[in-house]
C-alpha atoms as a PDB file:
ATOM      1  CA  UNK A   1      -5.261 -97.763 -59.450  1.00  0.00           C
ATOM      2  CA  UNK A   2      -8.205 -99.714 -58.095  1.00  0.00           C
ATOM      3  CA  UNK A   3      -9.941 -99.658 -61.474  1.00  0.00           C
ATOM      4  CA  UNK A   4      -6.738-100.790 -63.224  1.00  0.00           C
ATOM      5  CA  UNK A   5      -6.345-103.649 -60.748  1.00  0.00           C
ATOM      6  CA  UNK A   6      -9.961-104.634 -61.306  1.00  0.00           C
ATOM      7  CA  UNK A   7      -9.483-104.673 -65.084  1.00  0.00           C
ATOM      8  CA  UNK A   8      -6.362-106.806 -64.712  1.00  0.00           C
ATOM      9  CA  UNK A   9      -8.284-109.168 -62.434  1.00  0.00           C
ATOM     10  CA  UNK A  10     -11.104-109.419 -64.976  1.00  0.00           C
ATOM     11  CA  UNK A  11      -8.652-110.153 -67.777  1.00  0.00           C
ATOM     12  CA  UNK A  12      -6.947-112.961 -65.848  1.00  0.00           C
ATOM     13  CA  UNK A  13      -6.584-116.151 -67.924  1.00  0.00           C
ATOM     14  CA  UNK A  14      -9.113-118.843 -67.118  1.00  0.00           C
ATOM     15  CA  UNK A  15     -11.706-116.401 -65.802  1.00  0.00           C
ATOM     16  CA  UNK A  16     -14.748-116.221 -68.137  1.00  0.00           C
ATOM     17  CA  UNK A  17     -15.569-112.687 -69.230  1.00  0.00           C
ATOM     18  CA  UNK A  18     -18.727-113.520 -71.213  1.00  0.00           C
ATOM     19  CA  UNK A  19     -21.488-116.099 -70.731  1.00  0.00           C
ATOM     20  CA  UNK A  20     -20.262-117.897 -73.860  1.00  0.00           C
ATOM     21  CA  UNK A  21     -16.896-118.453 -72.150  1.00  0.00           C
ATOM     22  CA  UNK A  22     -18.396-120.688 -69.454  1.00  0.00           C
ATOM     23  CA  UNK A  23     -17.823-124.424 -70.028  1.00  0.00           C
ATOM     24  CA  UNK A  24     -20.808-126.745 -70.248  1.00  0.00           C
ATOM     25  CA  UNK A  25     -20.269-128.070 -66.708  1.00  0.00           C
ATOM     26  CA  UNK A  26     -20.325-124.517 -65.340  1.00  0.00           C
ATOM     27  CA  UNK A  27     -23.604-123.821 -67.116  1.00  0.00           C
ATOM     28  CA  UNK A  28     -25.103-126.944 -65.555  1.00  0.00           C
ATOM     29  CA  UNK A  29     -24.022-125.711 -62.111  1.00  0.00           C
ATOM     30  CA  UNK A  30     -25.472-122.262 -62.844  1.00  0.00           C
ATOM     31  CA  UNK A  31     -28.847-123.665 -63.908  1.00  0.00           C
ATOM     32  CA  UNK A  32     -29.019-126.025 -60.924  1.00  0.00           C
ATOM     33  CA  UNK A  33     -28.213-123.246 -58.444  1.00  0.00           C
ATOM     34  CA  UNK A  34     -30.681-120.916 -60.169  1.00  0.00           C
ATOM     35  CA  UNK A  35     -33.568-123.262 -59.397  1.00  0.00           C
ATOM     36  CA  UNK A  36     -32.292-123.856 -55.850  1.00  0.00           C
ATOM     37  CA  UNK A  37     -31.913-120.126 -55.152  1.00  0.00           C
ATOM     38  CA  UNK A  38     -35.278-119.433 -56.787  1.00  0.00           C
ATOM     39  CA  UNK A  39     -36.813-121.559 -54.042  1.00  0.00           C
ATOM     40  CA  UNK A  40     -34.519-120.490 -51.186  1.00  0.00           C
ATOM     41  CA  UNK A  41     -34.976-116.772 -51.936  1.00  0.00           C
ATOM     42  CA  UNK A  42     -38.776-117.195 -51.770  1.00  0.00           C
ATOM     43  CA  UNK A  43     -39.107-115.640 -55.200  1.00  0.00           C
ATOM     44  CA  UNK A  44     -42.827-116.482 -55.217  1.00  0.00           C
ATOM     45  CA  UNK A  45     -43.258-114.089 -52.289  1.00  0.00           C
ATOM     46  CA  UNK A  46     -41.032-111.453 -53.892  1.00  0.00           C
ATOM     47  CA  UNK A  47     -43.142-111.730 -57.058  1.00  0.00           C
ATOM     48  CA  UNK A  48     -46.294-111.305 -54.971  1.00  0.00           C
ATOM     49  CA  UNK A  49     -44.860-108.112 -53.456  1.00  0.00           C
ATOM     50  CA  UNK A  50     -43.980-106.849 -56.936  1.00  0.00           C
ATOM     51  CA  UNK A  51     -47.525-107.658 -58.058  1.00  0.00           C
ATOM     52  CA  UNK A  52     -48.898-105.501 -55.227  1.00  0.00           C
ATOM     53  CA  UNK A  53     -46.698-102.570 -56.240  1.00  0.00           C
ATOM     54  CA  UNK A  54     -47.491-103.175 -59.912  1.00  0.00           C
ATOM     55  CA  UNK A  55     -51.202-102.777 -59.193  1.00  0.00           C
ATOM     56  CA  UNK A  56     -50.485 -99.497 -57.392  1.00  0.00           C
ATOM     57  CA  UNK A  57     -48.190 -98.333 -60.195  1.00  0.00           C
ATOM     58  CA  UNK A  58     -49.887 -99.479 -63.377  1.00  0.00           C
ATOM     59  CA  UNK A  59     -52.591 -96.825 -63.594  1.00  0.00           C
ATOM     60  CA  UNK A  60     -50.214 -93.934 -62.774  1.00  0.00           C
ATOM     61  CA  UNK A  61     -47.948 -95.427 -65.439  1.00  0.00           C
ATOM     62  CA  UNK A  62     -50.917 -95.353 -67.824  1.00  0.00           C
ATOM     63  CA  UNK A  63     -51.246 -91.613 -67.206  1.00  0.00           C
ATOM     64  CA  UNK A  64     -47.602 -91.141 -68.156  1.00  0.00           C
ATOM     65  CA  UNK A  65     -47.920 -93.403 -71.206  1.00  0.00           C
ATOM     66  CA  UNK A  66     -51.108 -91.757 -72.435  1.00  0.00           C
ATOM     67  CA  UNK A  67     -49.385 -88.393 -72.053  1.00  0.00           C
ATOM     68  CA  UNK A  68     -46.560 -89.700 -74.250  1.00  0.00           C
ATOM     69  CA  UNK A  69     -49.142 -91.061 -76.698  1.00  0.00           C
ATOM     70  CA  UNK A  70     -50.877 -87.665 -76.734  1.00  0.00           C
ATOM     71  CA  UNK A  71     -49.682 -86.917 -80.250  1.00  0.00           C
ATOM     72  CA  UNK A  72     -51.640 -89.937 -81.469  1.00  0.00           C
ATOM     73  CA  UNK A  73     -55.365 -90.412 -81.672  1.00  0.00           C
ATOM     74  CA  UNK A  74     -57.418 -92.640 -79.413  1.00  0.00           C
ATOM     75  CA  UNK A  75     -57.653 -95.356 -82.027  1.00  0.00           C
ATOM     76  CA  UNK A  76     -53.867 -95.465 -82.394  1.00  0.00           C
ATOM     77  CA  UNK A  77     -53.449 -95.601 -78.628  1.00  0.00           C
ATOM     78  CA  UNK A  78     -55.862 -98.541 -78.462  1.00  0.00           C
ATOM     79  CA  UNK A  79     -53.821-100.337 -81.142  1.00  0.00           C
ATOM     80  CA  UNK A  80     -50.605 -99.736 -79.173  1.00  0.00           C
ATOM     81  CA  UNK A  81     -52.120-101.058 -75.943  1.00  0.00           C
ATOM     82  CA  UNK A  82     -53.379-104.079 -77.851  1.00  0.00           C
ATOM     83  CA  UNK A  83     -49.871-104.725 -79.200  1.00  0.00           C
ATOM     84  CA  UNK A  84     -48.347-104.451 -75.735  1.00  0.00           C
ATOM     85  CA  UNK A  85     -50.858-106.825 -74.133  1.00  0.00           C
ATOM     86  CA  UNK A  86     -51.452-109.223 -77.014  1.00  0.00           C
ATOM     87  CA  UNK A  87     -50.197-112.261 -75.075  1.00  0.00           C
ATOM     88  CA  UNK A  88     -52.129-111.413 -71.933  1.00  0.00           C
ATOM     89  CA  UNK A  89     -55.471-113.061 -71.129  1.00  0.00           C
ATOM     90  CA  UNK A  90     -58.490-111.373 -72.712  1.00  0.00           C
ATOM     91  CA  UNK A  91     -59.663-110.137 -69.298  1.00  0.00           C
ATOM     92  CA  UNK A  92     -56.335-108.359 -68.785  1.00  0.00           C
ATOM     93  CA  UNK A  93     -56.483-106.664 -72.197  1.00  0.00           C
ATOM     94  CA  UNK A  94     -59.992-105.447 -71.464  1.00  0.00           C
ATOM     95  CA  UNK A  95     -58.937-104.018 -68.093  1.00  0.00           C
ATOM     96  CA  UNK A  96     -55.952-102.205 -69.592  1.00  0.00           C
ATOM     97  CA  UNK A  97     -57.938-100.793 -72.499  1.00  0.00           C
ATOM     98  CA  UNK A  98     -60.703 -99.620 -70.169  1.00  0.00           C
ATOM     99  CA  UNK A  99     -58.109 -97.986 -67.924  1.00  0.00           C
ATOM    100  CA  UNK A 100     -56.489 -96.162 -70.832  1.00  0.00           C
ATOM    101  CA  UNK A 101     -59.889 -95.037 -72.126  1.00  0.00           C
ATOM    102  CA  UNK A 102     -60.726 -93.669 -68.673  1.00  0.00           C
ATOM    103  CA  UNK A 103     -57.469 -91.729 -68.513  1.00  0.00           C
ATOM    104  CA  UNK A 104     -58.100 -90.300 -71.986  1.00  0.00           C
ATOM    105  CA  UNK A 105     -61.585 -89.156 -71.002  1.00  0.00           C
ATOM    106  CA  UNK A 106     -60.175 -87.249 -68.054  1.00  0.00           C
ATOM    107  CA  UNK A 107     -57.821 -85.408 -70.381  1.00  0.00           C
ATOM    108  CA  UNK A 108     -54.837 -83.246 -69.536  1.00  0.00           C
ATOM    109  CA  UNK A 109     -56.123 -79.713 -70.034  1.00  0.00           C
ATOM    110  CA  UNK A 110     -55.912 -78.861 -66.335  1.00  0.00           C
ATOM    111  CA  UNK A 111     -53.360 -76.268 -65.236  1.00  0.00           C
ATOM    112  CA  UNK A 112     -52.199 -78.899 -62.751  1.00  0.00           C
ATOM    113  CA  UNK A 113     -51.448 -81.414 -65.502  1.00  0.00           C
ATOM    114  CA  UNK A 114     -47.681 -81.263 -65.006  1.00  0.00           C
ATOM    115  CA  UNK A 115     -48.046 -81.644 -61.249  1.00  0.00           C
ATOM    116  CA  UNK A 116     -50.372 -84.586 -61.777  1.00  0.00           C
ATOM    117  CA  UNK A 117     -47.910 -86.124 -64.220  1.00  0.00           C
ATOM    118  CA  UNK A 118     -45.086 -85.768 -61.687  1.00  0.00           C
ATOM    119  CA  UNK A 119     -47.211 -87.404 -58.979  1.00  0.00           C
ATOM    120  CA  UNK A 120     -48.122 -90.206 -61.376  1.00  0.00           C
ATOM    121  CA  UNK A 121     -44.448 -90.706 -62.216  1.00  0.00           C
ATOM    122  CA  UNK A 122     -43.518 -90.900 -58.529  1.00  0.00           C
ATOM    123  CA  UNK A 123     -46.321 -93.391 -57.891  1.00  0.00           C
ATOM    124  CA  UNK A 124     -45.266 -95.513 -60.854  1.00  0.00           C
ATOM    125  CA  UNK A 125     -41.703 -95.591 -59.519  1.00  0.00           C
ATOM    126  CA  UNK A 126     -42.920 -97.574 -56.498  1.00  0.00           C
ATOM    127  CA  UNK A 127     -42.649-100.737 -58.577  1.00  0.00           C
ATOM    128  CA  UNK A 128     -39.039 -99.952 -59.487  1.00  0.00           C
ATOM    129  CA  UNK A 129     -38.217 -99.380 -55.807  1.00  0.00           C
ATOM    130  CA  UNK A 130     -39.689-102.796 -54.961  1.00  0.00           C
ATOM    131  CA  UNK A 131     -37.765-104.370 -57.833  1.00  0.00           C
ATOM    132  CA  UNK A 132     -34.514-102.881 -56.486  1.00  0.00           C
ATOM    133  CA  UNK A 133     -35.174-104.489 -53.097  1.00  0.00           C
ATOM    134  CA  UNK A 134     -36.012-107.821 -54.736  1.00  0.00           C
ATOM    135  CA  UNK A 135     -32.786-107.785 -56.769  1.00  0.00           C
ATOM    136  CA  UNK A 136     -30.729-107.065 -53.646  1.00  0.00           C
ATOM    137  CA  UNK A 137     -32.366-110.071 -51.985  1.00  0.00           C
ATOM    138  CA  UNK A 138     -31.559-112.234 -55.010  1.00  0.00           C
ATOM    139  CA  UNK A 139     -27.895-111.167 -54.956  1.00  0.00           C
ATOM    140  CA  UNK A 140     -27.776-111.644 -51.149  1.00  0.00           C
ATOM    141  CA  UNK A 141     -26.445-108.136 -50.698  1.00  0.00           C
ATOM    142  CA  UNK A 142     -27.372-105.216 -48.450  1.00  0.00           C
ATOM    143  CA  UNK A 143     -28.526-101.920 -49.921  1.00  0.00           C
ATOM    144  CA  UNK A 144     -25.652 -99.518 -49.323  1.00  0.00           C
ATOM    145  CA  UNK A 145     -26.627 -96.711 -51.673  1.00  0.00           C
ATOM    146  CA  UNK A 146     -27.913 -93.635 -49.846  1.00  0.00           C
ATOM    147  CA  UNK A 147     -31.344 -92.113 -50.382  1.00  0.00           C
ATOM    148  CA  UNK A 148     -29.950 -89.398 -52.618  1.00  0.00           C
ATOM    149  CA  UNK A 149     -28.713 -92.111 -55.003  1.00  0.00           C
ATOM    150  CA  UNK A 150     -31.614 -94.564 -54.926  1.00  0.00           C
ATOM    151  CA  UNK A 151     -34.328 -91.925 -55.381  1.00  0.00           C
ATOM    152  CA  UNK A 152     -32.948 -90.510 -58.669  1.00  0.00           C
ATOM    153  CA  UNK A 153     -32.252 -94.104 -59.713  1.00  0.00           C
ATOM    154  CA  UNK A 154     -35.854 -95.249 -59.276  1.00  0.00           C
ATOM    155  CA  UNK A 155     -37.221 -92.124 -60.971  1.00  0.00           C
ATOM    156  CA  UNK A 156     -34.686 -92.339 -63.786  1.00  0.00           C
ATOM    157  CA  UNK A 157     -35.379 -96.020 -64.402  1.00  0.00           C
ATOM    158  CA  UNK A 158     -39.123 -95.358 -64.413  1.00  0.00           C
ATOM    159  CA  UNK A 159     -38.732 -92.560 -66.965  1.00  0.00           C
ATOM    160  CA  UNK A 160     -36.320 -94.572 -69.108  1.00  0.00           C
ATOM    161  CA  UNK A 161     -38.432 -97.726 -69.162  1.00  0.00           C
ATOM    162  CA  UNK A 162     -41.637 -95.764 -69.814  1.00  0.00           C
ATOM    163  CA  UNK A 163     -40.132 -93.681 -72.623  1.00  0.00           C
ATOM    164  CA  UNK A 164     -38.446 -96.650 -74.311  1.00  0.00           C
ATOM    165  CA  UNK A 165     -41.635 -98.681 -74.020  1.00  0.00           C
ATOM    166  CA  UNK A 166     -43.630 -95.836 -75.556  1.00  0.00           C
ATOM    167  CA  UNK A 167     -41.097 -95.225 -78.335  1.00  0.00           C
ATOM    168  CA  UNK A 168     -40.936 -98.927 -79.182  1.00  0.00           C
ATOM    169  CA  UNK A 169     -44.722 -99.300 -79.218  1.00  0.00           C
ATOM    170  CA  UNK A 170     -45.231 -96.159 -81.311  1.00  0.00           C
ATOM    171  CA  UNK A 171     -42.478 -97.203 -83.715  1.00  0.00           C
ATOM    172  CA  UNK A 172     -44.081-100.612 -84.241  1.00  0.00           C
ATOM    173  CA  UNK A 173     -47.462 -98.982 -84.895  1.00  0.00           C
ATOM    174  CA  UNK A 174     -46.132 -96.339 -87.300  1.00  0.00           C
ATOM    175  CA  UNK A 175     -43.910 -98.784 -89.191  1.00  0.00           C
ATOM    176  CA  UNK A 176     -46.986-100.942 -89.689  1.00  0.00           C
ATOM    177  CA  UNK A 177     -48.520 -98.049 -91.602  1.00  0.00           C
ATOM    178  CA  UNK A 178     -45.312 -97.621 -93.591  1.00  0.00           C
ATOM    179  CA  UNK A 179     -45.429-101.325 -94.459  1.00  0.00           C
ATOM    180  CA  UNK A 180     -48.982-100.850 -95.740  1.00  0.00           C
ATOM    181  CA  UNK A 181     -47.925 -97.877 -97.885  1.00  0.00           C
ATOM    182  CA  UNK A 182     -44.872 -99.770 -99.177  1.00  0.00           C
ATOM    183  CA  UNK A 183     -47.007-102.759-100.114  1.00  0.00           C
ATOM    184  CA  UNK A 184     -49.370-100.565-102.102  1.00  0.00           C
ATOM    185  CA  UNK A 185     -46.543 -98.656-103.795  1.00  0.00           C
ATOM    186  CA  UNK A 186     -44.738-101.848-104.806  1.00  0.00           C
ATOM    187  CA  UNK A 187     -47.916-103.568-105.909  1.00  0.00           C
ATOM    188  CA  UNK A 188     -47.441-106.375-103.393  1.00  0.00           C
ATOM    189  CA  UNK A 189     -50.765-105.882-101.678  1.00  0.00           C
ATOM    190  CA  UNK A 190     -50.900-107.273 -98.165  1.00  0.00           C
ATOM    191  CA  UNK A 191     -47.677-109.290 -98.454  1.00  0.00           C
ATOM    192  CA  UNK A 192     -45.523-106.564 -96.890  1.00  0.00           C
ATOM    193  CA  UNK A 193     -48.018-105.974 -94.079  1.00  0.00           C
ATOM    194  CA  UNK A 194     -48.286-109.691 -93.345  1.00  0.00           C
ATOM    195  CA  UNK A 195     -44.498-110.007 -93.283  1.00  0.00           C
ATOM    196  CA  UNK A 196     -44.191-107.062 -90.908  1.00  0.00           C
ATOM    197  CA  UNK A 197     -46.946-108.366 -88.643  1.00  0.00           C
ATOM    198  CA  UNK A 198     -44.834-111.500 -88.193  1.00  0.00           C
ATOM    199  CA  UNK A 199     -41.464-109.748 -87.943  1.00  0.00           C
ATOM    200  CA  UNK A 200     -42.555-107.138 -85.391  1.00  0.00           C
ATOM    201  CA  UNK A 201     -42.832-109.674 -82.560  1.00  0.00           C
ATOM    202  CA  UNK A 202     -39.118-110.545 -82.507  1.00  0.00           C
ATOM    203  CA  UNK A 203     -38.457-106.797 -82.597  1.00  0.00           C
ATOM    204  CA  UNK A 204     -40.719-106.263 -79.585  1.00  0.00           C
ATOM    205  CA  UNK A 205     -39.058-109.210 -77.835  1.00  0.00           C
ATOM    206  CA  UNK A 206     -35.624-107.633 -78.335  1.00  0.00           C
ATOM    207  CA  UNK A 207     -36.913-104.296 -77.029  1.00  0.00           C
ATOM    208  CA  UNK A 208     -38.317-106.064 -73.971  1.00  0.00           C
ATOM    209  CA  UNK A 209     -35.031-107.926 -73.423  1.00  0.00           C
ATOM    210  CA  UNK A 210     -33.151-104.634 -73.649  1.00  0.00           C
ATOM    211  CA  UNK A 211     -35.444-102.998 -71.085  1.00  0.00           C
ATOM    212  CA  UNK A 212     -35.033-105.954 -68.745  1.00  0.00           C
ATOM    213  CA  UNK A 213     -31.249-105.779 -69.177  1.00  0.00           C
ATOM    214  CA  UNK A 214     -31.321-102.147 -68.038  1.00  0.00           C
ATOM    215  CA  UNK A 215     -33.278-103.143 -64.924  1.00  0.00           C
ATOM    216  CA  UNK A 216     -30.969-106.070 -64.164  1.00  0.00           C
ATOM    217  CA  UNK A 217     -27.883-103.889 -64.567  1.00  0.00           C
ATOM    218  CA  UNK A 218     -29.006-100.835 -62.586  1.00  0.00           C
ATOM    219  CA  UNK A 219     -31.326-102.184 -59.884  1.00  0.00           C
ATOM    220  CA  UNK A 220     -29.106-104.270 -57.551  1.00  0.00           C
ATOM    221  CA  UNK A 221     -26.412-102.725 -55.364  1.00  0.00           C
ATOM    222  CA  UNK A 222     -23.858-104.779 -57.285  1.00  0.00           C
ATOM    223  CA  UNK A 223     -20.871-103.563 -59.261  1.00  0.00           C
ATOM    224  CA  UNK A 224     -21.420-105.001 -62.723  1.00  0.00           C
ATOM    225  CA  UNK A 225     -18.479-105.974 -64.973  1.00  0.00           C
ATOM    226  CA  UNK A 226     -19.893-103.881 -67.816  1.00  0.00           C
ATOM    227  CA  UNK A 227     -23.019-102.911 -69.728  1.00  0.00           C
ATOM    228  CA  UNK A 228     -24.434-105.604 -71.996  1.00  0.00           C
ATOM    229  CA  UNK A 229     -27.102-104.951 -74.577  1.00  0.00           C
ATOM    230  CA  UNK A 230     -28.816-108.241 -73.748  1.00  0.00           C
ATOM    231  CA  UNK A 231     -28.149-110.552 -70.813  1.00  0.00           C
ATOM    232  CA  UNK A 232     -28.854-114.309 -70.688  1.00  0.00           C
ATOM    233  CA  UNK A 233     -31.275-113.682 -67.832  1.00  0.00           C
ATOM    234  CA  UNK A 234     -33.091-111.034 -69.868  1.00  0.00           C
ATOM    235  CA  UNK A 235     -33.560-113.387 -72.815  1.00  0.00           C
ATOM    236  CA  UNK A 236     -34.734-116.197 -70.538  1.00  0.00           C
ATOM    237  CA  UNK A 237     -37.144-113.831 -68.782  1.00  0.00           C
ATOM    238  CA  UNK A 238     -38.714-112.777 -72.095  1.00  0.00           C
ATOM    239  CA  UNK A 239     -39.068-116.381 -73.281  1.00  0.00           C
ATOM    240  CA  UNK A 240     -40.555-117.451 -69.937  1.00  0.00           C
ATOM    241  CA  UNK A 241     -42.931-114.495 -69.955  1.00  0.00           C
ATOM    242  CA  UNK A 242     -44.183-115.381 -73.441  1.00  0.00           C
ATOM    243  CA  UNK A 243     -44.672-119.016 -72.412  1.00  0.00           C
ATOM    244  CA  UNK A 244     -46.450-118.339 -69.112  1.00  0.00           C
ATOM    245  CA  UNK A 245     -48.585-115.562 -70.618  1.00  0.00           C
ATOM    246  CA  UNK A 246     -49.693-117.660 -73.583  1.00  0.00           C
ATOM    247  CA  UNK A 247     -50.189-120.731 -71.393  1.00  0.00           C
ATOM    248  CA  UNK A 248     -52.174-118.885 -68.756  1.00  0.00           C
ATOM    249  CA  UNK A 249     -54.269-117.107 -71.392  1.00  0.00           C
ATOM    250  CA  UNK A 250     -55.119-120.496 -72.911  1.00  0.00           C
ATOM    251  CA  UNK A 251     -55.928-121.951 -69.498  1.00  0.00           C
ATOM    252  CA  UNK A 252     -58.035-118.978 -68.393  1.00  0.00           C
ATOM    253  CA  UNK A 253     -60.070-118.962 -71.615  1.00  0.00           C
ATOM    254  CA  UNK A 254     -60.665-122.714 -71.952  1.00  0.00           C
ATOM    255  CA  UNK A 255     -60.179-124.463 -68.637  1.00  0.00           C
ATOM    256  CA  UNK A 256     -60.430-121.862 -65.897  1.00  0.00           C
ATOM    257  CA  UNK A 257     -63.613-121.348 -63.886  1.00  0.00           C
ATOM    258  CA  UNK A 258     -62.836-117.891 -62.553  1.00  0.00           C
ATOM    259  CA  UNK A 259     -66.207-116.459 -63.602  1.00  0.00           C
ATOM    260  CA  UNK A 260     -68.048-119.134 -61.619  1.00  0.00           C
ATOM    261  CA  UNK A 261     -65.805-118.766 -58.575  1.00  0.00           C
ATOM    262  CA  UNK A 262     -65.222-115.007 -58.415  1.00  0.00           C
ATOM    263  CA  UNK A 263     -68.150-113.617 -60.406  1.00  0.00           C
ATOM    264  CA  UNK A 264     -67.634-109.960 -61.313  1.00  0.00           C
ATOM    265  CA  UNK A 265     -64.145-110.037 -59.776  1.00  0.00           C
ATOM    266  CA  UNK A 266     -62.954-112.691 -62.237  1.00  0.00           C
ATOM    267  CA  UNK A 267     -61.173-110.201 -64.521  1.00  0.00           C
ATOM    268  CA  UNK A 268     -59.322-108.668 -61.567  1.00  0.00           C
ATOM    269  CA  UNK A 269     -58.257-112.095 -60.259  1.00  0.00           C
ATOM    270  CA  UNK A 270     -57.008-113.165 -63.702  1.00  0.00           C
ATOM    271  CA  UNK A 271     -55.114-109.869 -63.961  1.00  0.00           C
ATOM    272  CA  UNK A 272     -53.422-110.402 -60.582  1.00  0.00           C
ATOM    273  CA  UNK A 273     -52.415-113.989 -61.374  1.00  0.00           C
ATOM    274  CA  UNK A 274     -51.005-112.926 -64.733  1.00  0.00           C
ATOM    275  CA  UNK A 275     -48.978-110.145 -63.072  1.00  0.00           C
ATOM    276  CA  UNK A 276     -47.680-112.606 -60.469  1.00  0.00           C
ATOM    277  CA  UNK A 277     -46.574-115.109 -63.134  1.00  0.00           C
ATOM    278  CA  UNK A 278     -44.971-112.306 -65.156  1.00  0.00           C
ATOM    279  CA  UNK A 279     -43.010-111.079 -62.136  1.00  0.00           C
ATOM    280  CA  UNK A 280     -41.831-114.607 -61.363  1.00  0.00           C
ATOM    281  CA  UNK A 281     -40.481-114.870 -64.924  1.00  0.00           C
ATOM    282  CA  UNK A 282     -38.739-111.514 -64.484  1.00  0.00           C
ATOM    283  CA  UNK A 283     -37.147-112.531 -61.178  1.00  0.00           C
ATOM    284  CA  UNK A 284     -36.105-115.938 -62.521  1.00  0.00           C
ATOM    285  CA  UNK A 285     -34.048-114.128 -65.145  1.00  0.00           C
ATOM    286  CA  UNK A 286     -32.464-112.020 -62.392  1.00  0.00           C
ATOM    287  CA  UNK A 287     -31.619-115.217 -60.491  1.00  0.00           C
ATOM    288  CA  UNK A 288     -29.929-116.631 -63.592  1.00  0.00           C
ATOM    289  CA  UNK A 289     -27.780-113.524 -64.057  1.00  0.00           C
ATOM    290  CA  UNK A 290     -26.917-113.561 -60.340  1.00  0.00           C
ATOM    291  CA  UNK A 291     -25.774-117.174 -60.524  1.00  0.00           C
ATOM    292  CA  UNK A 292     -23.675-116.397 -63.596  1.00  0.00           C
ATOM    293  CA  UNK A 293     -21.943-113.723 -61.524  1.00  0.00           C
ATOM    294  CA  UNK A 294     -21.459-116.233 -58.691  1.00  0.00           C
ATOM    295  CA  UNK A 295     -19.956-118.738 -61.141  1.00  0.00           C
ATOM    296  CA  UNK A 296     -17.503-116.099 -62.317  1.00  0.00           C
ATOM    297  CA  UNK A 297     -16.545-115.392 -58.694  1.00  0.00           C
ATOM    298  CA  UNK A 298     -15.997-119.132 -58.170  1.00  0.00           C
ATOM    299  CA  UNK A 299     -13.743-119.214 -61.242  1.00  0.00           C
ATOM    300  CA  UNK A 300     -11.722-116.403 -59.634  1.00  0.00           C
ATOM    301  CA  UNK A 301     -11.226-118.523 -56.516  1.00  0.00           C
ATOM    302  CA  UNK A 302     -14.154-117.497 -54.307  1.00  0.00           C
ATOM    303  CA  UNK A 303     -15.678-120.270 -52.123  1.00  0.00           C
ATOM    304  CA  UNK A 304     -18.928-121.706 -53.499  1.00  0.00           C
ATOM    305  CA  UNK A 305     -21.015-120.777 -50.454  1.00  0.00           C
ATOM    306  CA  UNK A 306     -19.603-117.301 -49.911  1.00  0.00           C
ATOM    307  CA  UNK A 307     -22.205-114.539 -49.581  1.00  0.00           C
ATOM    308  CA  UNK A 308     -22.227-111.872 -50.723  1.00  0.00           C
ATOM    309  CA  UNK A 309     -20.274-113.069 -53.727  1.00  0.00           C
ATOM    310  CA  UNK A 310     -20.560-109.779 -55.625  1.00  0.00           C
ATOM    311  CA  UNK A 311     -18.802-106.483 -54.982  1.00  0.00           C
ATOM    312  CA  UNK A 312     -21.298-103.801 -53.860  1.00  0.00           C
ATOM    313  CA  UNK A 313     -21.541-100.455 -55.587  1.00  0.00           C
ATOM    314  CA  UNK A 314     -21.812 -98.805 -52.167  1.00  0.00           C
ATOM    315  CA  UNK A 315     -20.997-100.396 -48.833  1.00  0.00           C
ATOM    316  CA  UNK A 316     -23.821-100.371 -46.234  1.00  0.00           C
ATOM    317  CA  UNK A 317     -23.480 -97.944 -43.331  1.00  0.00           C
ATOM    318  CA  UNK A 318     -21.989 -99.599 -40.212  1.00  0.00           C
ATOM    319  CA  UNK A 319     -25.277 -99.208 -38.330  1.00  0.00           C
ATOM    320  CA  UNK A 320     -27.080-101.101 -41.112  1.00  0.00           C
ATOM    321  CA  UNK A 321     -24.672-104.032 -41.203  1.00  0.00           C
ATOM    322  CA  UNK A 322     -26.080-107.341 -39.955  1.00  0.00           C
ATOM    323  CA  UNK A 323     -24.843-108.424 -36.516  1.00  0.00           C
END
């Protein structure tokens, strides 16, 4: 009965069901509140916390990724890493490639390889746990899901994101070879390869937007109206990430003086700043989706300043409720 009532409420005339249903004035309100909430929620600090957990998680994640890339050779793995980090500053690409090379040298022949992989997976899930907390802060909602729900969630999201990232990267690499073979077979030379080298970036962008959509949908303790393949916030996050990554890479290579200031630590500092900017882009997209949900609640008659404005998946325990 409750689900039927909720569906009837969602189908009520005048209540937008999709982002395209919002009038232009509503979109202006959403964008304005997104920037205001971005500041009020201290997203810069949330992004800094995510950067900390990303540093702790990225090398365990490399172990998992390299294990998934195990069917490929080292050269192919280097190509995949290069594709994934192409927009990052040169110092970041070097750090990632060195990290992957180090993991490959260690190998996985140990009898404890599976145990090590499980530990690496748990360590990598620390970033997802931090992202869940950040999303709850953005939606102004308490975490009500018990430990036995959030733990499988963080592990499952880590596995899903890692596997999809690996599958997408491998697919792009292998289809590049197919494009080369097709060009030779059709007598078109490098035309097919050149075309694919251009077309693969929108494909990677869509894969990234899909991964972000999964995070936005599953992370917060918010009952979502339904699963969307791509959310407006996810698209904005990808576009922002491309812009800030390319812009910062240009700045770091031509105008930055990190080598003079930080010496041998310059690559690490550039890496941290790039991660921080990337996380801010990711959280800005989450803010946009949150404000779209608030605008829908306002259209249903909810007061503008009401918080929380979203229905939680699980209510917080009474002892955890704010006084």
